[in-house]
C-alpha cells in the first residue's frame, strides 16, 4: 500500500458497508465529500479504485451483452386498414405557446415522396 492509503481504507470500508451496491466512482465521491467537510484534500478516484481492488471491495463487472434488435423494421400487412402506426410530438415556442402534433399512417400506405 502507498502512503496515505491506510487513512482512506476505513472511510472507504465504512461507505461500502453502508452502500454495498455503490461502485468505486460513487464511493470516491462520498469519500471526497467527507474529506472536504474535514478540510482535507480530495482523494483521486483511481486511488480509491486501487484500494477497493486490493481489498476485494469492487462490484462484479457487467459481462452480459444486449441482444440485437429483434425487429428489423419491416411490417408484413396483407391489406390496407389493418395495421396503423402513430407518433406524436410537442414544441414549445419562444412566446410560450405549445404546438402539439400527432401523426397516424396506414402501414400499407404508399411512402411519402
C-alpha atoms as a PDB file:
ATOM      1  CA  UNK A   1       0.000   0.000   0.000  1.00  0.00           C
ATOM      2  CA  UNK A   2       1.093   3.540  -0.676  1.00  0.00           C
ATOM      3  CA  UNK A   3       1.454   6.195   1.984  1.00  0.00           C
ATOM      4  CA  UNK A   4      -1.933   7.612   2.948  1.00  0.00           C
ATOM      5  CA  UNK A   5      -3.900   4.574   1.773  1.00  0.00           C
ATOM      6  CA  UNK A   6      -4.201   3.395   5.381  1.00  0.00           C
ATOM      7  CA  UNK A   7      -6.093   6.595   6.238  1.00  0.00           C
ATOM      8  CA  UNK A   8      -8.551   6.127   3.349  1.00  0.00           C
ATOM      9  CA  UNK A   9      -9.291   2.437   3.898  1.00  0.00           C
ATOM     10  CA  UNK A  10     -11.560   2.761   6.993  1.00  0.00           C
ATOM     11  CA  UNK A  11     -13.524   5.543   5.303  1.00  0.00           C
ATOM     12  CA  UNK A  12     -13.939   3.503   2.109  1.00  0.00           C
ATOM     13  CA  UNK A  13     -14.864   0.351   4.013  1.00  0.00           C
ATOM     14  CA  UNK A  14     -17.471   2.276   6.025  1.00  0.00           C
ATOM     15  CA  UNK A  15     -19.168   3.591   2.883  1.00  0.00           C
ATOM     16  CA  UNK A  16     -19.050   0.163   1.197  1.00  0.00           C
ATOM     17  CA  UNK A  17     -20.647  -1.420   4.275  1.00  0.00           C
ATOM     18  CA  UNK A  18     -23.406   1.236   4.238  1.00  0.00           C
ATOM     19  CA  UNK A  19     -23.999   1.053   0.483  1.00  0.00           C
ATOM     20  CA  UNK A  20     -22.833  -2.285  -0.940  1.00  0.00           C
ATOM     21  CA  UNK A  21     -24.263  -1.547  -4.405  1.00  0.00           C
ATOM     22  CA  UNK A  22     -22.148   1.580  -4.942  1.00  0.00           C
ATOM     23  CA  UNK A  23     -19.206   1.336  -7.313  1.00  0.00           C
ATOM     24  CA  UNK A  24     -15.832   2.974  -6.907  1.00  0.00           C
ATOM     25  CA  UNK A  25     -16.900   6.260  -8.547  1.00  0.00           C
ATOM     26  CA  UNK A  26     -19.764   6.820  -6.113  1.00  0.00           C
ATOM     27  CA  UNK A  27     -17.632   5.701  -3.178  1.00  0.00           C
ATOM     28  CA  UNK A  28     -14.908   8.132  -4.288  1.00  0.00           C
ATOM     29  CA  UNK A  29     -17.480  10.942  -4.396  1.00  0.00           C
ATOM     30  CA  UNK A  30     -18.662  10.101  -0.868  1.00  0.00           C
ATOM     31  CA  UNK A  31     -15.068   9.902   0.384  1.00  0.00           C
ATOM     32  CA  UNK A  32     -14.237  13.270  -1.173  1.00  0.00           C
ATOM     33  CA  UNK A  33     -17.369  14.867   0.271  1.00  0.00           C
ATOM     34  CA  UNK A  34     -16.406  13.621   3.731  1.00  0.00           C
ATOM     35  CA  UNK A  35     -12.788  14.758   3.295  1.00  0.00           C
ATOM     36  CA  UNK A  36     -13.954  18.220   2.184  1.00  0.00           C
ATOM     37  CA  UNK A  37     -16.048  18.515   5.370  1.00  0.00           C
ATOM     38  CA  UNK A  38     -12.912  17.666   7.355  1.00  0.00           C
ATOM     39  CA  UNK A  39     -10.819  20.205   5.428  1.00  0.00           C
ATOM     40  CA  UNK A  40      -8.689  17.520   3.756  1.00  0.00           C
ATOM     41  CA  UNK A  41      -7.720  17.399   0.064  1.00  0.00           C
ATOM     42  CA  UNK A  42      -9.753  15.115  -2.219  1.00  0.00           C
ATOM     43  CA  UNK A  43      -8.649  11.567  -2.992  1.00  0.00           C
ATOM     44  CA  UNK A  44      -8.148  10.603  -6.620  1.00  0.00           C
ATOM     45  CA  UNK A  45     -10.844   8.192  -7.849  1.00  0.00           C
ATOM     46  CA  UNK A  46      -8.135   5.928  -9.318  1.00  0.00           C
ATOM     47  CA  UNK A  47      -6.582   5.703  -5.874  1.00  0.00           C
ATOM     48  CA  UNK A  48      -9.957   4.748  -4.394  1.00  0.00           C
ATOM     49  CA  UNK A  49     -10.317   2.149  -7.167  1.00  0.00           C
ATOM     50  CA  UNK A  50      -6.883   0.681  -6.415  1.00  0.00           C
ATOM     51  CA  UNK A  51      -7.603   0.448  -2.673  1.00  0.00           C
ATOM     52  CA  UNK A  52     -11.003  -1.155  -3.271  1.00  0.00           C
ATOM     53  CA  UNK A  53      -9.478  -3.591  -5.768  1.00  0.00           C
ATOM     54  CA  UNK A  54      -6.762  -4.704  -3.359  1.00  0.00           C
ATOM     55  CA  UNK A  55      -9.314  -5.182  -0.581  1.00  0.00           C
ATOM     56  CA  UNK A  56     -11.781  -7.059  -2.824  1.00  0.00           C
ATOM     57  CA  UNK A  57     -14.479  -4.387  -2.458  1.00  0.00           C
ATOM     58  CA  UNK A  58     -15.213  -3.751  -6.143  1.00  0.00           C
ATOM     59  CA  UNK A  59     -18.548  -4.736  -7.643  1.00  0.00           C
ATOM     60  CA  UNK A  60     -18.759  -7.512 -10.216  1.00  0.00           C
ATOM     61  CA  UNK A  61     -18.358  -6.293 -13.752  1.00  0.00           C
ATOM     62  CA  UNK A  62     -21.341  -6.490 -16.080  1.00  0.00           C
ATOM     63  CA  UNK A  63     -20.444  -9.008 -18.755  1.00  0.00           C
ATOM     64  CA  UNK A  64     -23.854  -9.632 -20.312  1.00  0.00           C
ATOM     65  CA  UNK A  65     -24.362  -8.106 -23.730  1.00  0.00           C
ATOM     66  CA  UNK A  66     -27.663  -6.964 -25.103  1.00  0.00           C
ATOM     67  CA  UNK A  67     -29.014  -8.981 -27.951  1.00  0.00           C
ATOM     68  CA  UNK A  68     -29.513  -7.263 -31.258  1.00  0.00           C
ATOM     69  CA  UNK A  69     -32.746  -5.652 -32.293  1.00  0.00           C
ATOM     70  CA  UNK A  70     -35.394  -8.352 -32.671  1.00  0.00           C
ATOM     71  CA  UNK A  71     -37.362  -6.389 -35.252  1.00  0.00           C
ATOM     72  CA  UNK A  72     -35.754  -5.183 -38.482  1.00  0.00           C
ATOM     73  CA  UNK A  73     -38.412  -2.531 -39.147  1.00  0.00           C
ATOM     74  CA  UNK A  74     -40.351  -4.372 -41.866  1.00  0.00           C
ATOM     75  CA  UNK A  75     -44.057  -4.784 -41.203  1.00  0.00           C
ATOM     76  CA  UNK A  76     -45.969  -7.500 -43.043  1.00  0.00           C
ATOM     77  CA  UNK A  77     -49.523  -6.452 -43.815  1.00  0.00           C
ATOM     78  CA  UNK A  78     -51.760  -8.175 -46.333  1.00  0.00           C
ATOM     79  CA  UNK A  79     -54.276  -5.393 -46.902  1.00  0.00           C
ATOM     80  CA  UNK A  80     -54.881  -1.738 -46.151  1.00  0.00           C
ATOM     81  CA  UNK A  81     -56.568  -0.507 -42.949  1.00  0.00           C
ATOM     82  CA  UNK A  82     -55.193  -3.439 -40.945  1.00  0.00           C
ATOM     83  CA  UNK A  83     -52.124  -2.038 -39.157  1.00  0.00           C
ATOM     84  CA  UNK A  84     -51.641   1.603 -38.175  1.00  0.00           C
ATOM     85  CA  UNK A  85     -48.574   3.422 -36.847  1.00  0.00           C
ATOM     86  CA  UNK A  86     -48.662   6.627 -34.845  1.00  0.00           C
ATOM     87  CA  UNK A  87     -46.358   9.171 -33.290  1.00  0.00           C
ATOM     88  CA  UNK A  88     -46.710  12.495 -31.576  1.00  0.00           C
ATOM     89  CA  UNK A  89     -44.537  15.431 -30.658  1.00  0.00           C
ATOM     90  CA  UNK A  90     -44.701  18.749 -28.881  1.00  0.00           C
ATOM     91  CA  UNK A  91     -42.848  22.039 -29.462  1.00  0.00           C
ATOM     92  CA  UNK A  92     -42.618  24.946 -27.054  1.00  0.00           C
ATOM     93  CA  UNK A  93     -42.494  28.257 -28.896  1.00  0.00           C
ATOM     94  CA  UNK A  94     -40.485  31.295 -27.811  1.00  0.00           C
ATOM     95  CA  UNK A  95     -43.683  33.141 -26.806  1.00  0.00           C
ATOM     96  CA  UNK A  96     -44.805  30.321 -24.507  1.00  0.00           C
ATOM     97  CA  UNK A  97     -47.320  28.704 -26.851  1.00  0.00           C
ATOM     98  CA  UNK A  98     -47.221  24.942 -27.230  1.00  0.00           C
ATOM     99  CA  UNK A  99     -47.705  23.231 -30.590  1.00  0.00           C
ATOM    100  CA  UNK A 100     -48.736  19.574 -30.456  1.00  0.00           C
ATOM    101  CA  UNK A 101     -48.807  17.258 -33.466  1.00  0.00           C
ATOM    102  CA  UNK A 102     -49.934  13.678 -33.911  1.00  0.00           C
ATOM    103  CA  UNK A 103     -49.312  11.533 -36.974  1.00  0.00           C
ATOM    104  CA  UNK A 104     -51.216   8.400 -37.883  1.00  0.00           C
ATOM    105  CA  UNK A 105     -50.428   6.383 -41.012  1.00  0.00           C
ATOM    106  CA  UNK A 106     -51.594   3.152 -42.533  1.00  0.00           C
ATOM    107  CA  UNK A 107     -48.666   0.694 -42.582  1.00  0.00           C
ATOM    108  CA  UNK A 108     -49.603  -0.484 -46.082  1.00  0.00           C
ATOM    109  CA  UNK A 109     -49.935   3.058 -47.407  1.00  0.00           C
ATOM    110  CA  UNK A 110     -47.641   4.436 -50.095  1.00  0.00           C
ATOM    111  CA  UNK A 111     -44.385   6.000 -48.906  1.00  0.00           C
ATOM    112  CA  UNK A 112     -44.239   9.804 -48.868  1.00  0.00           C
ATOM    113  CA  UNK A 113     -42.156  11.215 -51.729  1.00  0.00           C
END
